[in-house]
Amino acid sequence: MPIYEKHDYPLVDVRRYLEPGPVVLLSSAHNGETDIMTMGWHMMMEFTPALVGCIISPANHSHELVRASGECVINVPTLELANQMVDIGNSTGTRIDKFKEFGLTPQKGTVVSAPMIGECFASFECKLANGKMIDEMGFFVWEVIKAHVDKTVTAPKTLHYRGSGEFMVAGDSLDLSARFKPEML
């Protein structure tokens, strides 16, 4: 096993090593308006109920839609949507209809009014569970109230942001289930 020679590293770039999970597309709706945003700052917070925390800047148009509606859909794209994912993040829903502009299919959710994205293999309908830190930090806590996953997608090539426009693609899996204690992770 190697011993690594570590050097000082810029604090602003720490995220290149600690970004959580795959980049997702958060869809929202309020008063007949829809939007999609690209989001990398999210994390699982609890199993039951399934809670997801995320940062949504007030500068992002989706912020006002999810704050007003108290709901969203977290959609998980794969490598095939990499270009749309970046373009969605580089645009604003105040000027364009992102579903039309980027050729995505809105699908009606079963519980929330925000649309699911048909081209994403997984979509999680969410209701706001805790908004106490929205004003201070833009931090939303969502409860996933309905999950939709295409079970034929067994090894999704999800994208993981490393900063500075670089992404990693999820790759090989390592099965350590025989040794794993879930309460330890």
C-alpha atoms as a PDB file:
ATOM      1  CA  MET A   1       0.000   0.000   0.000  1.00  0.00           C
ATOM      2  CA  PRO A   2       1.505   3.380  -0.973  1.00  0.00           C
ATOM      3  CA  ILE A   3       2.232   6.191   1.454  1.00  0.00           C
ATOM      4  CA  TYR A   4       1.266   9.417  -0.298  1.00  0.00           C
ATOM      5  CA  GLU A   5       3.374  12.571  -0.295  1.00  0.00           C
ATOM      6  CA  LYS A   6       0.847  15.313   0.320  1.00  0.00           C
ATOM      7  CA  HIS A   7       1.288  19.037  -0.396  1.00  0.00           C
ATOM      8  CA  ASP A   8      -0.629  22.189   0.479  1.00  0.00           C
ATOM      9  CA  TYR A   9      -3.716  22.503  -1.673  1.00  0.00           C
ATOM     10  CA  PRO A  10      -5.972  25.510  -2.400  1.00  0.00           C
ATOM     11  CA  LEU A  11      -9.027  25.427  -0.138  1.00  0.00           C
ATOM     12  CA  VAL A  12     -11.240  26.666  -2.961  1.00  0.00           C
ATOM     13  CA  ASP A  13     -10.492  23.408  -4.822  1.00  0.00           C
ATOM     14  CA  VAL A  14     -11.266  20.958  -1.985  1.00  0.00           C
ATOM     15  CA  ARG A  15     -14.579  20.236  -3.700  1.00  0.00           C
ATOM     16  CA  ARG A  16     -12.669  18.450  -6.478  1.00  0.00           C
ATOM     17  CA  TYR A  17     -12.263  15.559  -4.036  1.00  0.00           C
ATOM     18  CA  LEU A  18     -15.358  15.805  -1.851  1.00  0.00           C
ATOM     19  CA  GLU A  19     -18.255  16.474  -4.238  1.00  0.00           C
ATOM     20  CA  PRO A  20     -21.109  14.176  -3.252  1.00  0.00           C
ATOM     21  CA  GLY A  21     -22.855  11.813  -5.626  1.00  0.00           C
ATOM     22  CA  PRO A  22     -23.887  12.303  -9.221  1.00  0.00           C
ATOM     23  CA  VAL A  23     -24.790  15.599 -10.802  1.00  0.00           C
ATOM     24  CA  VAL A  24     -28.591  15.765 -11.017  1.00  0.00           C
ATOM     25  CA  LEU A  25     -31.194  17.787 -12.889  1.00  0.00           C
ATOM     26  CA  LEU A  26     -33.682  19.368 -10.512  1.00  0.00           C
ATOM     27  CA  SER A  27     -37.012  20.167 -12.159  1.00  0.00           C
ATOM     28  CA  SER A  28     -39.553  22.535 -10.698  1.00  0.00           C
ATOM     29  CA  ALA A  29     -42.916  24.108 -11.428  1.00  0.00           C
ATOM     30  CA  HIS A  30     -45.022  26.926 -10.037  1.00  0.00           C
ATOM     31  CA  ASN A  31     -47.965  28.907 -11.458  1.00  0.00           C
ATOM     32  CA  GLY A  32     -47.687  27.194 -14.860  1.00  0.00           C
ATOM     33  CA  GLU A  33     -43.959  27.848 -15.205  1.00  0.00           C
ATOM     34  CA  THR A  34     -41.352  25.047 -15.249  1.00  0.00           C
ATOM     35  CA  ASP A  35     -37.592  25.063 -14.948  1.00  0.00           C
ATOM     36  CA  ILE A  36     -34.632  22.695 -14.806  1.00  0.00           C
ATOM     37  CA  MET A  37     -31.343  23.334 -13.048  1.00  0.00           C
ATOM     38  CA  THR A  38     -28.103  21.382 -12.978  1.00  0.00           C
ATOM     39  CA  MET A  39     -27.124  20.599  -9.394  1.00  0.00           C
ATOM     40  CA  GLY A  40     -24.077  19.032  -7.813  1.00  0.00           C
ATOM     41  CA  TRP A  41     -24.400  20.259  -4.230  1.00  0.00           C
ATOM     42  CA  HIS A  42     -26.692  17.675  -2.661  1.00  0.00           C
ATOM     43  CA  MET A  43     -26.458  14.862  -0.145  1.00  0.00           C
ATOM     44  CA  MET A  44     -28.475  12.068   1.407  1.00  0.00           C
ATOM     45  CA  MET A  45     -29.341  12.968   4.989  1.00  0.00           C
ATOM     46  CA  GLU A  46     -31.566  10.132   6.191  1.00  0.00           C
ATOM     47  CA  PHE A  47     -32.898   6.755   5.021  1.00  0.00           C
ATOM     48  CA  THR A  48     -36.396   6.755   6.556  1.00  0.00           C
ATOM     49  CA  PRO A  49     -37.870   9.075   5.656  1.00  0.00           C
ATOM     50  CA  ALA A  50     -35.574   9.547   2.656  1.00  0.00           C
ATOM     51  CA  LEU A  51     -34.198  13.064   3.124  1.00  0.00           C
ATOM     52  CA  VAL A  52     -31.994  14.905   0.643  1.00  0.00           C
ATOM     53  CA  GLY A  53     -30.300  18.217   1.422  1.00  0.00           C
ATOM     54  CA  CYS A  54     -29.190  20.605  -1.302  1.00  0.00           C
ATOM     55  CA  ILE A  55     -27.970  24.122  -1.909  1.00  0.00           C
ATOM     56  CA  ILE A  56     -29.923  26.247  -4.391  1.00  0.00           C
ATOM     57  CA  SER A  57     -28.658  29.789  -4.770  1.00  0.00           C
ATOM     58  CA  PRO A  58     -31.227  32.595  -4.718  1.00  0.00           C
ATOM     59  CA  ALA A  59     -29.568  33.750  -7.959  1.00  0.00           C
ATOM     60  CA  ASN A  60     -30.912  30.599  -9.639  1.00  0.00           C
ATOM     61  CA  HIS A  61     -34.411  30.880 -11.124  1.00  0.00           C
ATOM     62  CA  SER A  62     -35.314  27.441  -9.741  1.00  0.00           C
ATOM     63  CA  HIS A  63     -34.825  28.797  -6.217  1.00  0.00           C
ATOM     64  CA  GLU A  64     -37.945  30.952  -6.404  1.00  0.00           C
ATOM     65  CA  LEU A  65     -40.017  28.176  -8.025  1.00  0.00           C
ATOM     66  CA  VAL A  66     -39.141  25.506  -5.446  1.00  0.00           C
ATOM     67  CA  ARG A  67     -39.448  27.943  -2.576  1.00  0.00           C
ATOM     68  CA  ALA A  68     -42.919  29.016  -3.694  1.00  0.00           C
ATOM     69  CA  SER A  69     -44.165  25.502  -4.516  1.00  0.00           C
ATOM     70  CA  GLY A  70     -42.355  23.553  -1.781  1.00  0.00           C
ATOM     71  CA  GLU A  71     -41.668  20.714  -4.196  1.00  0.00           C
ATOM     72  CA  CYS A  72     -39.358  19.488  -6.929  1.00  0.00           C
ATOM     73  CA  VAL A  73     -38.175  16.400  -8.788  1.00  0.00           C
ATOM     74  CA  ILE A  74     -34.570  15.267  -8.546  1.00  0.00           C
ATOM     75  CA  ASN A  75     -33.720  13.538 -11.837  1.00  0.00           C
ATOM     76  CA  VAL A  76     -30.557  11.487 -12.362  1.00  0.00           C
ATOM     77  CA  PRO A  77     -29.046  11.797 -15.864  1.00  0.00           C
ATOM     78  CA  THR A  78     -26.364   9.615 -17.417  1.00  0.00           C
ATOM     79  CA  LEU A  79     -23.428  10.295 -19.717  1.00  0.00           C
ATOM     80  CA  GLU A  80     -25.739  10.571 -22.741  1.00  0.00           C
ATOM     81  CA  LEU A  81     -27.092  13.851 -21.321  1.00  0.00           C
ATOM     82  CA  ALA A  82     -23.694  15.405 -20.502  1.00  0.00           C
ATOM     83  CA  ASN A  83     -23.955  18.228 -23.055  1.00  0.00           C
ATOM     84  CA  GLN A  84     -27.546  19.096 -22.137  1.00  0.00           C
ATOM     85  CA  MET A  85     -26.623  18.990 -18.452  1.00  0.00           C
ATOM     86  CA  VAL A  86     -23.857  21.560 -18.954  1.00  0.00           C
ATOM     87  CA  ASP A  87     -25.999  23.738 -21.245  1.00  0.00           C
ATOM     88  CA  ILE A  88     -28.878  23.697 -18.738  1.00  0.00           C
ATOM     89  CA  GLY A  89     -26.465  24.877 -16.059  1.00  0.00           C
ATOM     90  CA  ASN A  90     -25.198  27.638 -18.340  1.00  0.00           C
ATOM     91  CA  SER A  91     -28.656  29.072 -19.053  1.00  0.00           C
ATOM     92  CA  THR A  92     -31.529  30.609 -17.145  1.00  0.00           C
ATOM     93  CA  GLY A  93     -35.151  29.561 -17.112  1.00  0.00           C
ATOM     94  CA  THR A  94     -36.211  33.202 -17.002  1.00  0.00           C
ATOM     95  CA  ARG A  95     -35.306  33.473 -20.701  1.00  0.00           C
ATOM     96  CA  ILE A  96     -36.015  30.024 -22.172  1.00  0.00           C
ATOM     97  CA  ASP A  97     -38.123  26.910 -21.732  1.00  0.00           C
ATOM     98  CA  LYS A  98     -35.340  24.450 -20.915  1.00  0.00           C
ATOM     99  CA  PHE A  99     -37.427  21.374 -21.771  1.00  0.00           C
ATOM    100  CA  LYS A 100     -37.971  22.667 -25.327  1.00  0.00           C
ATOM    101  CA  GLU A 101     -34.536  24.250 -25.736  1.00  0.00           C
ATOM    102  CA  PHE A 102     -32.657  21.071 -24.794  1.00  0.00           C
ATOM    103  CA  GLY A 103     -35.046  18.472 -26.267  1.00  0.00           C
ATOM    104  CA  LEU A 104     -36.130  16.933 -22.969  1.00  0.00           C
ATOM    105  CA  THR A 105     -39.459  15.251 -22.304  1.00  0.00           C
ATOM    106  CA  PRO A 106     -41.494  16.469 -19.330  1.00  0.00           C
ATOM    107  CA  GLN A 107     -43.413  13.631 -17.688  1.00  0.00           C
ATOM    108  CA  LYS A 108     -46.201  14.161 -15.205  1.00  0.00           C
ATOM    109  CA  GLY A 109     -45.295  13.236 -11.655  1.00  0.00           C
ATOM    110  CA  THR A 110     -47.685  11.204  -9.546  1.00  0.00           C
ATOM    111  CA  VAL A 111     -47.492  13.330  -6.394  1.00  0.00           C
ATOM    112  CA  VAL A 112     -45.925  16.728  -7.160  1.00  0.00           C
ATOM    113  CA  SER A 113     -46.643  19.244  -9.905  1.00  0.00           C
ATOM    114  CA  ALA A 114     -42.989  19.505 -10.970  1.00  0.00           C
ATOM    115  CA  PRO A 115     -42.322  17.376 -14.071  1.00  0.00           C
ATOM    116  CA  MET A 116     -40.024  14.396 -14.228  1.00  0.00           C
ATOM    117  CA  ILE A 117     -37.493  14.273 -17.080  1.00  0.00           C
ATOM    118  CA  GLY A 118     -38.195  11.312 -19.372  1.00  0.00           C
ATOM    119  CA  GLU A 119     -34.572  10.966 -20.499  1.00  0.00           C
ATOM    120  CA  CYS A 120     -33.334  10.426 -16.925  1.00  0.00           C
ATOM    121  CA  PHE A 121     -33.314   6.821 -15.673  1.00  0.00           C
ATOM    122  CA  ALA A 122     -34.339   7.871 -12.139  1.00  0.00           C
ATOM    123  CA  SER A 123     -36.675  10.595 -10.863  1.00  0.00           C
ATOM    124  CA  PHE A 124     -37.479  11.342  -7.228  1.00  0.00           C
ATOM    125  CA  GLU A 125     -40.540  13.423  -6.391  1.00  0.00           C
ATOM    126  CA  CYS A 126     -39.844  15.602  -3.353  1.00  0.00           C
ATOM    127  CA  LYS A 127     -41.665  17.836  -0.884  1.00  0.00           C
ATOM    128  CA  LEU A 128     -39.916  20.412   1.267  1.00  0.00           C
ATOM    129  CA  ALA A 129     -39.276  18.852   4.687  1.00  0.00           C
ATOM    130  CA  ASN A 130     -37.283  21.657   6.278  1.00  0.00           C
ATOM    131  CA  GLY A 131     -36.675  25.186   5.050  1.00  0.00           C
ATOM    132  CA  LYS A 132     -35.074  26.674   8.172  1.00  0.00           C
ATOM    133  CA  MET A 133     -31.748  27.343   6.430  1.00  0.00           C
ATOM    134  CA  ILE A 134     -33.044  28.623   3.096  1.00  0.00           C
ATOM    135  CA  ASP A 135     -32.637  32.317   3.930  1.00  0.00           C
ATOM    136  CA  GLU A 136     -29.240  31.958   5.559  1.00  0.00           C
ATOM    137  CA  MET A 137     -27.568  29.398   3.274  1.00  0.00           C
ATOM    138  CA  GLY A 138     -29.927  28.490   0.419  1.00  0.00           C
ATOM    139  CA  PHE A 139     -30.120  25.024   2.013  1.00  0.00           C
ATOM    140  CA  PHE A 140     -33.276  22.999   1.318  1.00  0.00           C
ATOM    141  CA  VAL A 141     -34.098  19.657   2.947  1.00  0.00           C
ATOM    142  CA  TRP A 142     -36.364  17.536   0.743  1.00  0.00           C
ATOM    143  CA  GLU A 143     -38.305  14.406   1.605  1.00  0.00           C
ATOM    144  CA  VAL A 144     -38.463  11.974  -1.298  1.00  0.00           C
ATOM    145  CA  ILE A 145     -42.121  10.962  -1.347  1.00  0.00           C
ATOM    146  CA  LYS A 146     -42.174   8.945  -4.580  1.00  0.00           C
ATOM    147  CA  ALA A 147     -39.290   7.263  -6.422  1.00  0.00           C
ATOM    148  CA  HIS A 148     -39.285   6.194 -10.076  1.00  0.00           C
ATOM    149  CA  VAL A 149     -36.313   4.136 -11.363  1.00  0.00           C
ATOM    150  CA  ASP A 150     -35.834   2.160 -14.577  1.00  0.00           C
ATOM    151  CA  LYS A 151     -34.612  -1.134 -13.091  1.00  0.00           C
ATOM    152  CA  THR A 152     -33.117  -2.246 -16.416  1.00  0.00           C
ATOM    153  CA  VAL A 153     -30.360   0.350 -15.884  1.00  0.00           C
ATOM    154  CA  THR A 154     -28.038  -1.672 -13.668  1.00  0.00           C
ATOM    155  CA  ALA A 155     -24.748   0.240 -14.032  1.00  0.00           C
ATOM    156  CA  PRO A 156     -25.651   3.844 -14.863  1.00  0.00           C
ATOM    157  CA  LYS A 157     -22.843   6.030 -16.171  1.00  0.00           C
ATOM    158  CA  THR A 158     -23.594   8.980 -13.933  1.00  0.00           C
ATOM    159  CA  LEU A 159     -21.540  12.176 -13.990  1.00  0.00           C
ATOM    160  CA  HIS A 160     -19.679  13.468 -10.938  1.00  0.00           C
ATOM    161  CA  TYR A 161     -18.404  17.037 -10.893  1.00  0.00           C
ATOM    162  CA  ARG A 162     -14.749  17.682 -10.038  1.00  0.00           C
ATOM    163  CA  GLY A 163     -14.738  21.460 -10.494  1.00  0.00           C
ATOM    164  CA  SER A 164     -13.325  23.628 -13.278  1.00  0.00           C
ATOM    165  CA  GLY A 165     -15.586  21.997 -15.873  1.00  0.00           C
ATOM    166  CA  GLU A 166     -14.263  18.466 -15.257  1.00  0.00           C
ATOM    167  CA  PHE A 167     -16.512  15.483 -14.654  1.00  0.00           C
ATOM    168  CA  MET A 168     -15.811  11.873 -13.749  1.00  0.00           C
ATOM    169  CA  VAL A 169     -18.044   9.134 -15.073  1.00  0.00           C
ATOM    170  CA  ALA A 170     -19.092   6.424 -12.620  1.00  0.00           C
ATOM    171  CA  GLY A 171     -17.203   3.300 -13.497  1.00  0.00           C
ATOM    172  CA  ASP A 172     -16.430  -0.100 -12.078  1.00  0.00           C
ATOM    173  CA  SER A 173     -18.249  -1.403  -9.023  1.00  0.00           C
ATOM    174  CA  LEU A 174     -16.663  -3.213  -6.111  1.00  0.00           C
ATOM    175  CA  ASP A 175     -18.892  -5.635  -4.194  1.00  0.00           C
ATOM    176  CA  LEU A 176     -17.880  -5.771  -0.526  1.00  0.00           C
ATOM    177  CA  SER A 177     -21.364  -6.666   0.716  1.00  0.00           C
ATOM    178  CA  ALA A 178     -20.158  -9.774   2.559  1.00  0.00           C
ATOM    179  CA  ARG A 179     -17.941  -7.604   4.799  1.00  0.00           C
ATOM    180  CA  PHE A 180     -20.062  -4.467   4.896  1.00  0.00           C
ATOM    181  CA  LYS A 181     -21.769  -3.104   8.012  1.00  0.00           C
ATOM    182  CA  PRO A 182     -24.281  -0.460   6.810  1.00  0.00           C
ATOM    183  CA  GLU A 183     -24.308   1.361  10.143  1.00  0.00           C
ATOM    184  CA  MET A 184     -20.601   2.148   9.696  1.00  0.00           C
ATOM    185  CA  LEU A 185     -20.967   4.268   6.533  1.00  0.00           C
END
